[in-house]
């Protein structure tokens, strides 16, 4: 590789790293990180992956979430999904999520969220993989 291309590549890497550091330094805290709410969340998750074969893979995660500081809310969820590796550059993904919210003083709330997704794998310059994931839920 010519020296000019190597120099250009190293300048781009330094610029990218500097941009990432600046973004991390100027990021504001989100509402979930403000301590004034005084809530202590807890959750337990189980993730499963099973390669079925012929490009198919089963993914799933299941769990329970709640507040230790306030027993008025608990959530149980199931999120099974299937992935299909159609091509080296195309991965199709779909599934559904079932959330069941338990409330102490109001009616419980079930939610069903079907979704589909597409992952596009782009060029691999210098050994890095560029991917884009689009999801409709």
C-alpha atoms as a PDB file:
ATOM      1  CA  UNK A   1       0.000   0.000   0.000  1.00  0.00           C
ATOM      2  CA  UNK A   2       1.478   3.406  -0.920  1.00  0.00           C
ATOM      3  CA  UNK A   3       2.586   5.689   1.907  1.00  0.00           C
ATOM      4  CA  UNK A   4      -0.005   8.333   0.968  1.00  0.00           C
ATOM      5  CA  UNK A   5      -2.872   5.859   1.411  1.00  0.00           C
ATOM      6  CA  UNK A   6      -1.462   4.637   4.738  1.00  0.00           C
ATOM      7  CA  UNK A   7      -1.111   8.205   5.961  1.00  0.00           C
ATOM      8  CA  UNK A   8      -4.659   9.049   4.860  1.00  0.00           C
ATOM      9  CA  UNK A   9      -6.032   5.941   6.560  1.00  0.00           C
ATOM     10  CA  UNK A  10      -4.271   6.735   9.845  1.00  0.00           C
ATOM     11  CA  UNK A  11      -5.603  10.334   9.738  1.00  0.00           C
ATOM     12  CA  UNK A  12      -9.146   9.004   9.199  1.00  0.00           C
ATOM     13  CA  UNK A  13      -8.787   6.584  12.121  1.00  0.00           C
ATOM     14  CA  UNK A  14      -7.546   9.362  14.406  1.00  0.00           C
ATOM     15  CA  UNK A  15     -10.381  11.669  13.293  1.00  0.00           C
ATOM     16  CA  UNK A  16     -12.954   8.936  13.917  1.00  0.00           C
ATOM     17  CA  UNK A  17     -11.567   8.141  17.379  1.00  0.00           C
ATOM     18  CA  UNK A  18     -11.508  11.852  18.259  1.00  0.00           C
ATOM     19  CA  UNK A  19     -15.138  12.270  17.122  1.00  0.00           C
ATOM     20  CA  UNK A  20     -16.191   9.304  19.296  1.00  0.00           C
ATOM     21  CA  UNK A  21     -14.428  10.739  22.345  1.00  0.00           C
ATOM     22  CA  UNK A  22     -16.028  14.168  21.809  1.00  0.00           C
ATOM     23  CA  UNK A  23     -19.493  12.591  21.487  1.00  0.00           C
ATOM     24  CA  UNK A  24     -18.996  10.685  24.739  1.00  0.00           C
ATOM     25  CA  UNK A  25     -17.799  13.800  26.573  1.00  0.00           C
ATOM     26  CA  UNK A  26     -20.702  16.035  25.493  1.00  0.00           C
ATOM     27  CA  UNK A  27     -23.472  13.476  25.962  1.00  0.00           C
ATOM     28  CA  UNK A  28     -26.097  14.474  28.524  1.00  0.00           C
ATOM     29  CA  UNK A  29     -27.458  12.065  31.093  1.00  0.00           C
ATOM     30  CA  UNK A  30     -30.752  10.487  30.186  1.00  0.00           C
ATOM     31  CA  UNK A  31     -33.845  10.610  32.377  1.00  0.00           C
ATOM     32  CA  UNK A  32     -33.210   7.003  33.404  1.00  0.00           C
ATOM     33  CA  UNK A  33     -29.926   8.065  34.978  1.00  0.00           C
ATOM     34  CA  UNK A  34     -31.305  10.883  37.153  1.00  0.00           C
ATOM     35  CA  UNK A  35     -31.096   9.681  40.779  1.00  0.00           C
ATOM     36  CA  UNK A  36     -34.009  11.795  42.061  1.00  0.00           C
ATOM     37  CA  UNK A  37     -36.551   9.138  41.110  1.00  0.00           C
ATOM     38  CA  UNK A  38     -35.246   6.793  43.804  1.00  0.00           C
ATOM     39  CA  UNK A  39     -36.228   3.592  42.003  1.00  0.00           C
ATOM     40  CA  UNK A  40     -34.135   0.453  42.062  1.00  0.00           C
ATOM     41  CA  UNK A  41     -34.839  -1.685  39.004  1.00  0.00           C
ATOM     42  CA  UNK A  42     -33.959  -5.345  38.840  1.00  0.00           C
ATOM     43  CA  UNK A  43     -34.253  -7.851  36.029  1.00  0.00           C
ATOM     44  CA  UNK A  44     -33.288 -11.366  35.135  1.00  0.00           C
ATOM     45  CA  UNK A  45     -32.871 -12.431  31.517  1.00  0.00           C
ATOM     46  CA  UNK A  46     -32.304 -15.755  29.821  1.00  0.00           C
ATOM     47  CA  UNK A  47     -30.987 -15.620  26.254  1.00  0.00           C
ATOM     48  CA  UNK A  48     -31.107 -18.626  23.930  1.00  0.00           C
ATOM     49  CA  UNK A  49     -29.517 -19.229  20.535  1.00  0.00           C
ATOM     50  CA  UNK A  50     -29.937 -22.414  18.528  1.00  0.00           C
ATOM     51  CA  UNK A  51     -28.558 -22.954  15.020  1.00  0.00           C
ATOM     52  CA  UNK A  52     -31.250 -24.920  13.204  1.00  0.00           C
ATOM     53  CA  UNK A  53     -29.300 -25.339   9.969  1.00  0.00           C
ATOM     54  CA  UNK A  54     -29.579 -24.287   6.322  1.00  0.00           C
ATOM     55  CA  UNK A  55     -29.040 -20.638   7.291  1.00  0.00           C
ATOM     56  CA  UNK A  56     -31.731 -20.576  10.005  1.00  0.00           C
ATOM     57  CA  UNK A  57     -31.116 -19.661  13.635  1.00  0.00           C
ATOM     58  CA  UNK A  58     -33.513 -19.400  16.581  1.00  0.00           C
ATOM     59  CA  UNK A  59     -32.907 -16.534  19.027  1.00  0.00           C
ATOM     60  CA  UNK A  60     -34.896 -15.770  22.097  1.00  0.00           C
ATOM     61  CA  UNK A  61     -34.763 -13.925  25.348  1.00  0.00           C
ATOM     62  CA  UNK A  62     -37.066 -14.267  28.296  1.00  0.00           C
ATOM     63  CA  UNK A  63     -37.160 -12.563  31.638  1.00  0.00           C
ATOM     64  CA  UNK A  64     -38.741 -10.755  34.513  1.00  0.00           C
ATOM     65  CA  UNK A  65     -38.267  -7.136  35.566  1.00  0.00           C
ATOM     66  CA  UNK A  66     -39.467  -5.170  38.528  1.00  0.00           C
ATOM     67  CA  UNK A  67     -38.854  -2.453  41.080  1.00  0.00           C
ATOM     68  CA  UNK A  68     -37.359  -3.479  44.403  1.00  0.00           C
ATOM     69  CA  UNK A  69     -38.212  -0.087  45.914  1.00  0.00           C
ATOM     70  CA  UNK A  70     -41.888  -0.256  44.850  1.00  0.00           C
ATOM     71  CA  UNK A  71     -43.726  -3.590  44.438  1.00  0.00           C
ATOM     72  CA  UNK A  72     -46.499  -1.972  42.337  1.00  0.00           C
ATOM     73  CA  UNK A  73     -45.025  -3.044  38.978  1.00  0.00           C
ATOM     74  CA  UNK A  74     -43.609  -6.285  37.562  1.00  0.00           C
ATOM     75  CA  UNK A  75     -43.002  -7.250  33.928  1.00  0.00           C
ATOM     76  CA  UNK A  76     -42.649 -10.716  32.418  1.00  0.00           C
ATOM     77  CA  UNK A  77     -41.619 -10.997  28.769  1.00  0.00           C
ATOM     78  CA  UNK A  78     -40.905 -13.501  25.996  1.00  0.00           C
ATOM     79  CA  UNK A  79     -39.124 -12.473  22.762  1.00  0.00           C
ATOM     80  CA  UNK A  80     -38.598 -15.420  20.417  1.00  0.00           C
ATOM     81  CA  UNK A  81     -37.250 -14.765  16.922  1.00  0.00           C
ATOM     82  CA  UNK A  82     -35.877 -16.487  13.831  1.00  0.00           C
ATOM     83  CA  UNK A  83     -32.958 -15.353  11.676  1.00  0.00           C
ATOM     84  CA  UNK A  84     -32.281 -16.430   8.135  1.00  0.00           C
ATOM     85  CA  UNK A  85     -28.940 -15.863   6.454  1.00  0.00           C
ATOM     86  CA  UNK A  86     -30.164 -15.362   2.874  1.00  0.00           C
ATOM     87  CA  UNK A  87     -26.814 -14.187   1.434  1.00  0.00           C
ATOM     88  CA  UNK A  88     -23.420 -13.207   2.809  1.00  0.00           C
ATOM     89  CA  UNK A  89     -24.605  -9.593   2.769  1.00  0.00           C
ATOM     90  CA  UNK A  90     -28.284 -10.120   3.755  1.00  0.00           C
ATOM     91  CA  UNK A  91     -29.760 -11.417   7.026  1.00  0.00           C
ATOM     92  CA  UNK A  92     -33.539 -11.515   7.587  1.00  0.00           C
ATOM     93  CA  UNK A  93     -34.842 -11.434  11.149  1.00  0.00           C
ATOM     94  CA  UNK A  94     -38.366 -11.635  12.528  1.00  0.00           C
ATOM     95  CA  UNK A  95     -40.271 -12.466  15.649  1.00  0.00           C
ATOM     96  CA  UNK A  96     -42.601 -11.142  18.264  1.00  0.00           C
ATOM     97  CA  UNK A  97     -42.416  -9.896  21.797  1.00  0.00           C
ATOM     98  CA  UNK A  98     -44.991 -10.648  24.460  1.00  0.00           C
ATOM     99  CA  UNK A  99     -44.830  -8.339  27.482  1.00  0.00           C
ATOM    100  CA  UNK A 100     -47.148  -8.744  30.438  1.00  0.00           C
ATOM    101  CA  UNK A 101     -47.173  -5.885  32.948  1.00  0.00           C
ATOM    102  CA  UNK A 102     -48.539  -6.603  36.415  1.00  0.00           C
ATOM    103  CA  UNK A 103     -49.751  -3.569  38.351  1.00  0.00           C
ATOM    104  CA  UNK A 104     -50.959  -3.536  41.958  1.00  0.00           C
ATOM    105  CA  UNK A 105     -53.673  -0.874  41.781  1.00  0.00           C
ATOM    106  CA  UNK A 106     -54.768  -0.909  38.123  1.00  0.00           C
ATOM    107  CA  UNK A 107     -55.615  -3.518  35.506  1.00  0.00           C
ATOM    108  CA  UNK A 108     -52.718  -5.614  34.177  1.00  0.00           C
ATOM    109  CA  UNK A 109     -51.475  -4.753  30.688  1.00  0.00           C
ATOM    110  CA  UNK A 110     -50.519  -7.381  28.068  1.00  0.00           C
ATOM    111  CA  UNK A 111     -48.621  -6.241  24.955  1.00  0.00           C
ATOM    112  CA  UNK A 112     -47.913  -8.170  21.754  1.00  0.00           C
ATOM    113  CA  UNK A 113     -45.301  -6.629  19.431  1.00  0.00           C
ATOM    114  CA  UNK A 114     -44.554  -8.411  16.151  1.00  0.00           C
ATOM    115  CA  UNK A 115     -41.500  -7.176  14.260  1.00  0.00           C
ATOM    116  CA  UNK A 116     -39.296  -7.766  11.231  1.00  0.00           C
ATOM    117  CA  UNK A 117     -35.723  -6.741  10.577  1.00  0.00           C
ATOM    118  CA  UNK A 118     -33.113  -6.734   7.831  1.00  0.00           C
ATOM    119  CA  UNK A 119     -29.340  -6.630   8.373  1.00  0.00           C
ATOM    120  CA  UNK A 120     -27.223  -5.501   5.431  1.00  0.00           C
ATOM    121  CA  UNK A 121     -23.511  -6.225   5.564  1.00  0.00           C
ATOM    122  CA  UNK A 122     -21.497  -3.751   3.528  1.00  0.00           C
ATOM    123  CA  UNK A 123     -17.955  -3.659   2.296  1.00  0.00           C
ATOM    124  CA  UNK A 124     -15.160  -4.772   4.584  1.00  0.00           C
ATOM    125  CA  UNK A 125     -12.434  -2.131   4.238  1.00  0.00           C
ATOM    126  CA  UNK A 126      -9.278  -2.958   6.135  1.00  0.00           C
ATOM    127  CA  UNK A 127     -10.863  -5.968   7.855  1.00  0.00           C
ATOM    128  CA  UNK A 128     -13.691  -3.918   9.450  1.00  0.00           C
ATOM    129  CA  UNK A 129     -17.275  -4.934   8.796  1.00  0.00           C
ATOM    130  CA  UNK A 130     -19.899  -2.278   8.113  1.00  0.00           C
ATOM    131  CA  UNK A 131     -23.468  -3.363   8.915  1.00  0.00           C
ATOM    132  CA  UNK A 132     -26.839  -1.648   8.929  1.00  0.00           C
ATOM    133  CA  UNK A 133     -29.840  -3.050  10.782  1.00  0.00           C
ATOM    134  CA  UNK A 134     -33.359  -1.873   9.921  1.00  0.00           C
ATOM    135  CA  UNK A 135     -36.221  -2.977  12.158  1.00  0.00           C
ATOM    136  CA  UNK A 136     -39.943  -2.353  12.000  1.00  0.00           C
ATOM    137  CA  UNK A 137     -41.781  -3.033  15.256  1.00  0.00           C
END
